[in-house]
Amino acid sequence: MRKFDQINRKILDLLQEDSSITNAELAEKLNLSPAAVFERVKKLEKSGVIKKRVAILNPEKIGKGTIAFVSISMSGHSAKSVKKFWREIEKLPEVLECYHIAGEDDFILKVIVENMQCYEKFLLQKLISLENIGKIRTSFVMSTVKYNTKIPLSKICED
């Protein structure tokens, strides 16, 4: 794991809370010069620690109120078939997240659509048409108890 000094940790915390914060505002909050903060942020971006900055939308406000978690078991597990599945999943805009997992299932997807009819269309016209799909199980979100994109930077587990 990469170690961060307190300043970089604070920069990352502040950017995770509000990616639109200006360099001048960051510098003021950190009691540093804007040039010093700019250099640190650029290094964090160049090293890949900061992947990108985004706006987080409210799904219901844009008509995407149905969220499903879809567990998929593959019928075959060759490296070629798994990589093909990855490529195909990346093309589906309804899939927000896809994780290759260990356990009974092979993948879990987070899917967002307008409503149940749209999920059915997604399932029947897109998902089951992918090669090598064995079993699909879907769980629909009734309400969101916690949603956070901020990764905690404090150590929970000491060596």
N, C-alpha and C. Protein backbone atom coordinates (compact mmCIF):
# COMPACT_ATOMS: atom_id res chain seq x y z
N MET A 1 0.83 -1.18 0.00
CA MET A 1 0.00 0.00 0.00
C MET A 1 0.87 1.24 0.00
N ARG A 2 0.47 2.20 -0.75
CA ARG A 2 1.20 3.45 -0.85
C ARG A 2 0.96 4.31 0.39
N LYS A 3 2.01 4.92 0.89
CA LYS A 3 1.89 5.80 2.05
C LYS A 3 1.77 7.24 1.57
N PHE A 4 0.91 7.99 2.23
CA PHE A 4 0.68 9.40 1.89
C PHE A 4 1.00 10.25 3.11
N ASP A 5 1.61 11.39 2.86
CA ASP A 5 1.79 12.31 3.98
C ASP A 5 0.45 12.97 4.28
N GLN A 6 0.40 13.70 5.38
CA GLN A 6 -0.85 14.32 5.83
C GLN A 6 -1.43 15.28 4.80
N ILE A 7 -0.57 15.99 4.10
CA ILE A 7 -1.05 16.97 3.12
C ILE A 7 -1.72 16.26 1.94
N ASN A 8 -1.06 15.25 1.41
CA ASN A 8 -1.66 14.50 0.30
C ASN A 8 -2.96 13.82 0.74
N ARG A 9 -2.97 13.30 1.94
CA ARG A 9 -4.18 12.66 2.47
C ARG A 9 -5.32 13.68 2.53
N LYS A 10 -5.02 14.87 2.99
CA LYS A 10 -6.04 15.93 3.09
C LYS A 10 -6.50 16.36 1.69
N ILE A 11 -5.57 16.48 0.76
CA ILE A 11 -5.93 16.82 -0.63
C ILE A 11 -6.91 15.77 -1.17
N LEU A 12 -6.58 14.51 -0.97
CA LEU A 12 -7.43 13.43 -1.48
C LEU A 12 -8.80 13.43 -0.80
N ASP A 13 -8.83 13.68 0.50
CA ASP A 13 -10.12 13.77 1.21
C ASP A 13 -10.97 14.91 0.65
N LEU A 14 -10.37 16.07 0.50
CA LEU A 14 -11.11 17.24 0.00
C LEU A 14 -11.60 17.03 -1.43
N LEU A 15 -10.78 16.45 -2.28
CA LEU A 15 -11.19 16.20 -3.66
C LEU A 15 -12.29 15.14 -3.75
N GLN A 16 -12.25 14.15 -2.84
CA GLN A 16 -13.31 13.15 -2.83
C GLN A 16 -14.65 13.75 -2.38
N GLU A 17 -14.58 14.74 -1.52
CA GLU A 17 -15.81 15.41 -1.06
C GLU A 17 -16.36 16.33 -2.13
N ASP A 18 -15.48 17.02 -2.87
CA ASP A 18 -15.92 17.98 -3.89
C ASP A 18 -14.83 18.11 -4.94
N SER A 19 -15.01 17.39 -6.04
CA SER A 19 -13.98 17.41 -7.07
C SER A 19 -13.92 18.73 -7.83
N SER A 20 -14.92 19.58 -7.63
CA SER A 20 -14.92 20.87 -8.34
C SER A 20 -14.21 21.97 -7.54
N ILE A 21 -13.68 21.64 -6.39
CA ILE A 21 -12.96 22.63 -5.59
C ILE A 21 -11.79 23.18 -6.41
N THR A 22 -11.61 24.47 -6.34
CA THR A 22 -10.53 25.08 -7.11
C THR A 22 -9.19 24.87 -6.42
N ASN A 23 -8.14 25.02 -7.18
CA ASN A 23 -6.79 24.91 -6.63
C ASN A 23 -6.58 25.97 -5.54
N ALA A 24 -7.09 27.18 -5.77
CA ALA A 24 -6.95 28.26 -4.77
C ALA A 24 -7.68 27.90 -3.48
N GLU A 25 -8.87 27.30 -3.59
CA GLU A 25 -9.61 26.90 -2.39
C GLU A 25 -8.88 25.78 -1.65
N LEU A 26 -8.34 24.83 -2.40
CA LEU A 26 -7.54 23.76 -1.78
C LEU A 26 -6.36 24.35 -1.02
N ALA A 27 -5.65 25.25 -1.68
CA ALA A 27 -4.47 25.87 -1.07
C ALA A 27 -4.84 26.60 0.22
N GLU A 28 -5.97 27.30 0.19
CA GLU A 28 -6.41 28.04 1.38
C GLU A 28 -6.73 27.08 2.53
N LYS A 29 -7.42 26.00 2.23
CA LYS A 29 -7.78 25.02 3.28
C LYS A 29 -6.55 24.32 3.86
N LEU A 30 -5.49 24.21 3.05
CA LEU A 30 -4.29 23.51 3.49
C LEU A 30 -3.19 24.45 4.00
N ASN A 31 -3.44 25.75 3.92
CA ASN A 31 -2.45 26.75 4.29
C ASN A 31 -1.14 26.57 3.52
N LEU A 32 -1.28 26.33 2.22
CA LEU A 32 -0.14 26.18 1.32
C LEU A 32 -0.30 27.14 0.15
N SER A 33 0.76 27.29 -0.60
CA SER A 33 0.67 28.13 -1.80
C SER A 33 -0.08 27.36 -2.88
N PRO A 34 -0.80 28.07 -3.75
CA PRO A 34 -1.49 27.40 -4.85
C PRO A 34 -0.53 26.59 -5.73
N ALA A 35 0.68 27.08 -5.93
CA ALA A 35 1.65 26.36 -6.76
C ALA A 35 2.03 25.01 -6.13
N ALA A 36 2.23 25.00 -4.82
CA ALA A 36 2.59 23.76 -4.14
C ALA A 36 1.45 22.74 -4.21
N VAL A 37 0.23 23.21 -4.03
CA VAL A 37 -0.93 22.31 -4.11
C VAL A 37 -1.10 21.80 -5.53
N PHE A 38 -0.94 22.68 -6.51
CA PHE A 38 -1.07 22.29 -7.91
C PHE A 38 -0.08 21.17 -8.25
N GLU A 39 1.16 21.31 -7.81
CA GLU A 39 2.18 20.29 -8.06
C GLU A 39 1.81 18.96 -7.43
N ARG A 40 1.31 19.01 -6.21
CA ARG A 40 0.93 17.77 -5.52
C ARG A 40 -0.22 17.07 -6.24
N VAL A 41 -1.23 17.85 -6.63
CA VAL A 41 -2.38 17.27 -7.32
C VAL A 41 -1.94 16.66 -8.65
N LYS A 42 -1.09 17.36 -9.38
CA LYS A 42 -0.60 16.84 -10.67
C LYS A 42 0.16 15.53 -10.47
N LYS A 43 0.97 15.44 -9.42
CA LYS A 43 1.71 14.20 -9.14
C LYS A 43 0.75 13.06 -8.80
N LEU A 44 -0.30 13.37 -8.03
CA LEU A 44 -1.29 12.35 -7.68
C LEU A 44 -2.04 11.88 -8.93
N GLU A 45 -2.30 12.78 -9.85
CA GLU A 45 -2.96 12.41 -11.10
C GLU A 45 -2.02 11.59 -11.98
N LYS A 46 -0.79 12.05 -12.12
CA LYS A 46 0.18 11.37 -12.98
C LYS A 46 0.48 9.96 -12.49
N SER A 47 0.50 9.78 -11.18
CA SER A 47 0.80 8.46 -10.61
C SER A 47 -0.40 7.51 -10.66
N GLY A 48 -1.56 8.05 -11.02
CA GLY A 48 -2.76 7.21 -11.11
C GLY A 48 -3.55 7.10 -9.83
N VAL A 49 -3.11 7.78 -8.76
CA VAL A 49 -3.87 7.77 -7.52
C VAL A 49 -5.23 8.43 -7.75
N ILE A 50 -5.23 9.56 -8.43
CA ILE A 50 -6.47 10.21 -8.86
C ILE A 50 -6.72 9.74 -10.29
N LYS A 51 -7.76 8.93 -10.46
CA LYS A 51 -8.06 8.39 -11.79
C LYS A 51 -8.78 9.42 -12.65
N LYS A 52 -9.80 10.07 -12.10
CA LYS A 52 -10.53 11.11 -12.81
C LYS A 52 -11.44 11.82 -11.81
N ARG A 53 -11.96 12.94 -12.23
CA ARG A 53 -12.90 13.71 -11.40
C ARG A 53 -14.24 13.71 -12.10
N VAL A 54 -15.30 13.46 -11.32
CA VAL A 54 -16.63 13.30 -11.92
C VAL A 54 -17.69 14.04 -11.12
N ALA A 55 -18.86 14.20 -11.74
CA ALA A 55 -20.05 14.68 -11.05
C ALA A 55 -20.90 13.45 -10.74
N ILE A 56 -21.43 13.37 -9.55
CA ILE A 56 -22.28 12.25 -9.16
C ILE A 56 -23.73 12.70 -9.28
N LEU A 57 -24.48 12.00 -10.11
CA LEU A 57 -25.86 12.37 -10.37
C LEU A 57 -26.83 11.64 -9.46
N ASN A 58 -27.99 12.23 -9.25
CA ASN A 58 -29.06 11.59 -8.52
C ASN A 58 -29.87 10.77 -9.52
N PRO A 59 -29.82 9.43 -9.45
CA PRO A 59 -30.49 8.59 -10.46
C PRO A 59 -31.98 8.89 -10.63
N GLU A 60 -32.67 9.12 -9.54
CA GLU A 60 -34.11 9.37 -9.63
C GLU A 60 -34.42 10.68 -10.35
N LYS A 61 -33.57 11.68 -10.17
CA LYS A 61 -33.79 12.98 -10.81
C LYS A 61 -33.60 12.93 -12.32
N ILE A 62 -32.90 11.90 -12.80
CA ILE A 62 -32.69 11.77 -14.25
C ILE A 62 -33.45 10.57 -14.83
N GLY A 63 -34.40 10.06 -14.06
CA GLY A 63 -35.26 9.00 -14.56
C GLY A 63 -34.64 7.62 -14.60
N LYS A 64 -33.64 7.37 -13.76
CA LYS A 64 -33.01 6.04 -13.69
C LYS A 64 -33.17 5.50 -12.28
N GLY A 65 -34.41 5.25 -11.89
CA GLY A 65 -34.70 4.90 -10.51
C GLY A 65 -34.64 3.43 -10.15
N THR A 66 -34.35 2.56 -11.11
CA THR A 66 -34.30 1.12 -10.81
C THR A 66 -32.87 0.63 -10.86
N ILE A 67 -32.41 0.14 -9.72
CA ILE A 67 -31.04 -0.39 -9.60
C ILE A 67 -31.14 -1.87 -9.26
N ALA A 68 -30.35 -2.67 -9.95
CA ALA A 68 -30.33 -4.10 -9.72
C ALA A 68 -28.90 -4.58 -9.56
N PHE A 69 -28.72 -5.56 -8.71
CA PHE A 69 -27.45 -6.27 -8.61
C PHE A 69 -27.68 -7.63 -9.25
N VAL A 70 -26.87 -7.93 -10.24
CA VAL A 70 -27.07 -9.12 -11.06
C VAL A 70 -25.86 -10.04 -10.87
N SER A 71 -26.13 -11.23 -10.36
CA SER A 71 -25.09 -12.25 -10.18
C SER A 71 -25.11 -13.16 -11.40
N ILE A 72 -23.93 -13.39 -11.95
CA ILE A 72 -23.81 -14.21 -13.15
C ILE A 72 -22.83 -15.35 -12.91
N SER A 73 -23.27 -16.54 -13.28
CA SER A 73 -22.39 -17.71 -13.30
C SER A 73 -22.14 -18.04 -14.76
N MET A 74 -20.89 -18.21 -15.10
CA MET A 74 -20.52 -18.55 -16.47
C MET A 74 -20.69 -20.06 -16.68
N SER A 75 -21.01 -20.45 -17.92
CA SER A 75 -21.12 -21.88 -18.21
C SER A 75 -19.76 -22.50 -18.48
N GLY A 76 -18.77 -21.68 -18.86
CA GLY A 76 -17.39 -22.13 -19.05
C GLY A 76 -16.45 -21.07 -18.50
N HIS A 77 -15.24 -21.48 -18.18
CA HIS A 77 -14.34 -20.56 -17.48
C HIS A 77 -12.97 -20.42 -18.13
N SER A 78 -12.91 -20.52 -19.42
CA SER A 78 -11.61 -20.34 -20.07
C SER A 78 -11.22 -18.86 -20.01
N ALA A 79 -9.94 -18.60 -20.05
CA ALA A 79 -9.45 -17.21 -20.04
C ALA A 79 -10.03 -16.43 -21.20
N LYS A 80 -10.12 -17.07 -22.34
CA LYS A 80 -10.65 -16.41 -23.54
C LYS A 80 -12.12 -16.02 -23.34
N SER A 81 -12.92 -16.91 -22.78
CA SER A 81 -14.35 -16.61 -22.60
C SER A 81 -14.57 -15.54 -21.54
N VAL A 82 -13.76 -15.55 -20.50
CA VAL A 82 -13.88 -14.53 -19.45
C VAL A 82 -13.51 -13.16 -20.01
N LYS A 83 -12.43 -13.08 -20.75
CA LYS A 83 -12.02 -11.79 -21.34
C LYS A 83 -13.05 -11.29 -22.35
N LYS A 84 -13.66 -12.20 -23.10
CA LYS A 84 -14.70 -11.80 -24.05
C LYS A 84 -15.89 -11.23 -23.28
N PHE A 85 -16.25 -11.86 -22.18
CA PHE A 85 -17.35 -11.37 -21.35
C PHE A 85 -17.03 -9.95 -20.85
N TRP A 86 -15.81 -9.73 -20.37
CA TRP A 86 -15.41 -8.39 -19.92
C TRP A 86 -15.62 -7.36 -21.02
N ARG A 87 -15.14 -7.68 -22.21
CA ARG A 87 -15.26 -6.73 -23.34
C ARG A 87 -16.71 -6.42 -23.66
N GLU A 88 -17.55 -7.44 -23.62
CA GLU A 88 -18.97 -7.24 -23.93
C GLU A 88 -19.67 -6.43 -22.84
N ILE A 89 -19.35 -6.69 -21.59
CA ILE A 89 -19.97 -5.96 -20.48
C ILE A 89 -19.58 -4.49 -20.54
N GLU A 90 -18.34 -4.19 -20.90
CA GLU A 90 -17.88 -2.80 -21.00
C GLU A 90 -18.70 -2.00 -22.01
N LYS A 91 -19.32 -2.65 -22.97
CA LYS A 91 -20.11 -1.98 -24.00
C LYS A 91 -21.53 -1.65 -23.54
N LEU A 92 -21.97 -2.20 -22.41
CA LEU A 92 -23.35 -2.02 -21.96
C LEU A 92 -23.45 -0.82 -21.02
N PRO A 93 -24.06 0.27 -21.46
CA PRO A 93 -24.12 1.47 -20.62
C PRO A 93 -24.97 1.29 -19.36
N GLU A 94 -25.87 0.33 -19.35
CA GLU A 94 -26.70 0.08 -18.16
C GLU A 94 -25.88 -0.49 -17.00
N VAL A 95 -24.74 -1.10 -17.32
CA VAL A 95 -23.89 -1.70 -16.29
C VAL A 95 -22.95 -0.62 -15.75
N LEU A 96 -23.19 -0.22 -14.51
CA LEU A 96 -22.35 0.79 -13.86
C LEU A 96 -21.06 0.20 -13.32
N GLU A 97 -21.16 -1.00 -12.80
CA GLU A 97 -20.00 -1.66 -12.19
C GLU A 97 -20.07 -3.15 -12.51
N CYS A 98 -18.91 -3.75 -12.65
CA CYS A 98 -18.82 -5.19 -12.88
C CYS A 98 -17.61 -5.70 -12.11
N TYR A 99 -17.84 -6.70 -11.29
CA TYR A 99 -16.77 -7.28 -10.49
C TYR A 99 -16.66 -8.77 -10.79
N HIS A 100 -15.44 -9.23 -11.02
CA HIS A 100 -15.15 -10.65 -11.17
C HIS A 100 -14.92 -11.13 -9.75
N ILE A 101 -15.73 -12.07 -9.29
CA ILE A 101 -15.72 -12.44 -7.88
C ILE A 101 -15.40 -13.91 -7.67
N ALA A 102 -14.99 -14.24 -6.45
CA ALA A 102 -14.79 -15.63 -6.06
C ALA A 102 -16.05 -16.08 -5.33
N GLY A 103 -16.33 -17.35 -5.40
CA GLY A 103 -17.50 -17.88 -4.72
C GLY A 103 -18.41 -18.61 -5.68
N GLU A 104 -19.67 -18.70 -5.33
CA GLU A 104 -20.64 -19.45 -6.13
C GLU A 104 -20.84 -18.83 -7.51
N ASP A 105 -20.86 -17.51 -7.61
CA ASP A 105 -21.03 -16.82 -8.88
C ASP A 105 -19.67 -16.33 -9.38
N ASP A 106 -19.66 -15.94 -10.65
CA ASP A 106 -18.42 -15.48 -11.26
C ASP A 106 -18.32 -13.95 -11.35
N PHE A 107 -19.46 -13.31 -11.54
CA PHE A 107 -19.50 -11.85 -11.68
C PHE A 107 -20.69 -11.29 -10.94
N ILE A 108 -20.54 -10.06 -10.50
CA ILE A 108 -21.68 -9.31 -9.99
C ILE A 108 -21.68 -7.96 -10.69
N LEU A 109 -22.86 -7.59 -11.19
CA LEU A 109 -23.02 -6.34 -11.92
C LEU A 109 -23.94 -5.42 -11.15
N LYS A 110 -23.65 -4.13 -11.23
CA LYS A 110 -24.60 -3.13 -10.75
C LYS A 110 -25.20 -2.50 -12.00
N VAL A 111 -26.51 -2.66 -12.14
CA VAL A 111 -27.21 -2.22 -13.35
C VAL A 111 -28.21 -1.14 -12.97
N ILE A 112 -28.30 -0.10 -13.82
CA ILE A 112 -29.27 0.97 -13.58
C ILE A 112 -30.10 1.19 -14.83
N VAL A 113 -31.42 1.22 -14.64
CA VAL A 113 -32.36 1.43 -15.74
C VAL A 113 -33.52 2.29 -15.24
N GLU A 114 -34.43 2.62 -16.16
CA GLU A 114 -35.56 3.47 -15.84
C GLU A 114 -36.59 2.78 -14.96
N ASN A 115 -36.91 1.52 -15.29
CA ASN A 115 -37.98 0.81 -14.57
C ASN A 115 -37.85 -0.69 -14.82
N MET A 116 -38.80 -1.46 -14.29
CA MET A 116 -38.75 -2.92 -14.43
C MET A 116 -38.86 -3.37 -15.89
N GLN A 117 -39.69 -2.68 -16.67
CA GLN A 117 -39.84 -3.05 -18.07
C GLN A 117 -38.52 -2.86 -18.81
N CYS A 118 -37.79 -1.81 -18.49
CA CYS A 118 -36.49 -1.57 -19.12
C CYS A 118 -35.48 -2.62 -18.67
N TYR A 119 -35.58 -3.06 -17.40
CA TYR A 119 -34.67 -4.12 -16.95
C TYR A 119 -34.96 -5.41 -17.73
N GLU A 120 -36.23 -5.72 -17.90
CA GLU A 120 -36.58 -6.92 -18.64
C GLU A 120 -36.03 -6.85 -20.07
N LYS A 121 -36.16 -5.70 -20.70
CA LYS A 121 -35.63 -5.52 -22.05
C LYS A 121 -34.11 -5.69 -22.06
N PHE A 122 -33.43 -5.08 -21.07
CA PHE A 122 -31.97 -5.23 -20.94
C PHE A 122 -31.60 -6.70 -20.80
N LEU A 123 -32.31 -7.39 -19.92
CA LEU A 123 -32.03 -8.80 -19.66
C LEU A 123 -32.23 -9.66 -20.91
N LEU A 124 -33.38 -9.50 -21.54
CA LEU A 124 -33.73 -10.37 -22.66
C LEU A 124 -33.02 -10.03 -23.96
N GLN A 125 -32.73 -8.74 -24.17
CA GLN A 125 -32.13 -8.35 -25.45
C GLN A 125 -30.61 -8.19 -25.39
N LYS A 126 -30.09 -7.98 -24.22
CA LYS A 126 -28.64 -7.75 -24.13
C LYS A 126 -27.93 -8.81 -23.30
N LEU A 127 -28.31 -8.95 -22.04
CA LEU A 127 -27.53 -9.79 -21.13
C LEU A 127 -27.55 -11.27 -21.51
N ILE A 128 -28.73 -11.83 -21.74
CA ILE A 128 -28.74 -13.27 -22.03
C ILE A 128 -28.24 -13.61 -23.42
N SER A 129 -28.06 -12.57 -24.25
CA SER A 129 -27.51 -12.84 -25.58
C SER A 129 -25.98 -12.96 -25.55
N LEU A 130 -25.36 -12.64 -24.41
CA LEU A 130 -23.91 -12.79 -24.31
C LEU A 130 -23.55 -14.27 -24.25
N GLU A 131 -22.44 -14.61 -24.87
CA GLU A 131 -21.98 -16.00 -24.88
C GLU A 131 -21.56 -16.45 -23.48
N ASN A 132 -21.74 -17.74 -23.24
CA ASN A 132 -21.18 -18.38 -22.06
C ASN A 132 -21.89 -18.02 -20.75
N ILE A 133 -23.10 -17.48 -20.83
CA ILE A 133 -23.86 -17.17 -19.62
C ILE A 133 -24.51 -18.46 -19.14
N GLY A 134 -24.27 -18.81 -17.89
CA GLY A 134 -24.88 -19.99 -17.31
C GLY A 134 -26.15 -19.63 -16.56
N LYS A 135 -25.98 -18.98 -15.41
CA LYS A 135 -27.11 -18.66 -14.55
C LYS A 135 -27.09 -17.16 -14.23
N ILE A 136 -28.26 -16.55 -14.19
CA ILE A 136 -28.39 -15.14 -13.84
C ILE A 136 -29.37 -15.03 -12.68
N ARG A 137 -28.96 -14.31 -11.65
CA ARG A 137 -29.85 -14.02 -10.51
C ARG A 137 -29.85 -12.52 -10.31
N THR A 138 -31.04 -11.95 -10.14
CA THR A 138 -31.16 -10.50 -10.00
C THR A 138 -31.78 -10.15 -8.66
N SER A 139 -31.19 -9.16 -7.98
CA SER A 139 -31.75 -8.59 -6.76
C SER A 139 -31.97 -7.10 -7.02
N PHE A 140 -33.19 -6.63 -6.76
CA PHE A 140 -33.51 -5.23 -6.99
C PHE A 140 -33.37 -4.43 -5.71
N VAL A 141 -32.86 -3.22 -5.84
CA VAL A 141 -32.70 -2.31 -4.70
C VAL A 141 -34.06 -1.71 -4.37
N MET A 142 -34.49 -1.86 -3.12
CA MET A 142 -35.74 -1.24 -2.68
C MET A 142 -35.48 0.17 -2.16
N SER A 143 -34.39 0.33 -1.41
CA SER A 143 -33.98 1.66 -0.94
C SER A 143 -32.49 1.61 -0.67
N THR A 144 -31.85 2.76 -0.71
CA THR A 144 -30.42 2.85 -0.47
C THR A 144 -30.19 3.31 0.96
N VAL A 145 -29.56 2.47 1.75
CA VAL A 145 -29.28 2.78 3.14
C VAL A 145 -28.01 3.63 3.24
N LYS A 146 -27.01 3.27 2.45
CA LYS A 146 -25.75 4.02 2.44
C LYS A 146 -25.17 3.97 1.04
N TYR A 147 -24.74 5.12 0.58
CA TYR A 147 -24.06 5.22 -0.71
C TYR A 147 -22.93 6.22 -0.54
N ASN A 148 -21.73 5.78 -0.80
CA ASN A 148 -20.59 6.66 -0.63
C ASN A 148 -19.54 6.31 -1.68
N THR A 149 -18.93 7.32 -2.24
CA THR A 149 -17.85 7.07 -3.19
C THR A 149 -16.49 7.41 -2.58
N LYS A 150 -16.51 7.95 -1.38
CA LYS A 150 -15.27 8.37 -0.74
C LYS A 150 -14.57 7.17 -0.10
N ILE A 151 -13.33 6.94 -0.50
CA ILE A 151 -12.53 5.86 0.06
C ILE A 151 -11.83 6.38 1.31
N PRO A 152 -12.02 5.72 2.46
CA PRO A 152 -11.34 6.18 3.68
C PRO A 152 -9.83 6.00 3.55
N LEU A 153 -9.09 7.00 3.94
CA LEU A 153 -7.64 6.95 3.81
C LEU A 153 -6.93 6.62 5.13
N SER A 154 -7.70 6.57 6.20
CA SER A 154 -7.09 6.22 7.48
C SER A 154 -6.90 4.71 7.54
N LYS A 155 -5.87 4.28 8.25
CA LYS A 155 -5.60 2.85 8.38
C LYS A 155 -6.56 2.25 9.38
N ILE A 156 -7.18 1.16 9.00
CA ILE A 156 -8.07 0.43 9.89
C ILE A 156 -7.32 -0.74 10.51
N CYS A 157 -6.48 -1.33 9.72
CA CYS A 157 -5.77 -2.53 10.09
C CYS A 157 -4.28 -2.23 10.19
N GLU A 158 -3.73 -2.37 11.33
CA GLU A 158 -2.29 -2.12 11.52
C GLU A 158 -1.51 -3.41 11.30
N ASP A 159 -0.33 -3.29 10.72
CA ASP A 159 0.52 -4.47 10.47
C ASP A 159 1.09 -5.03 11.73
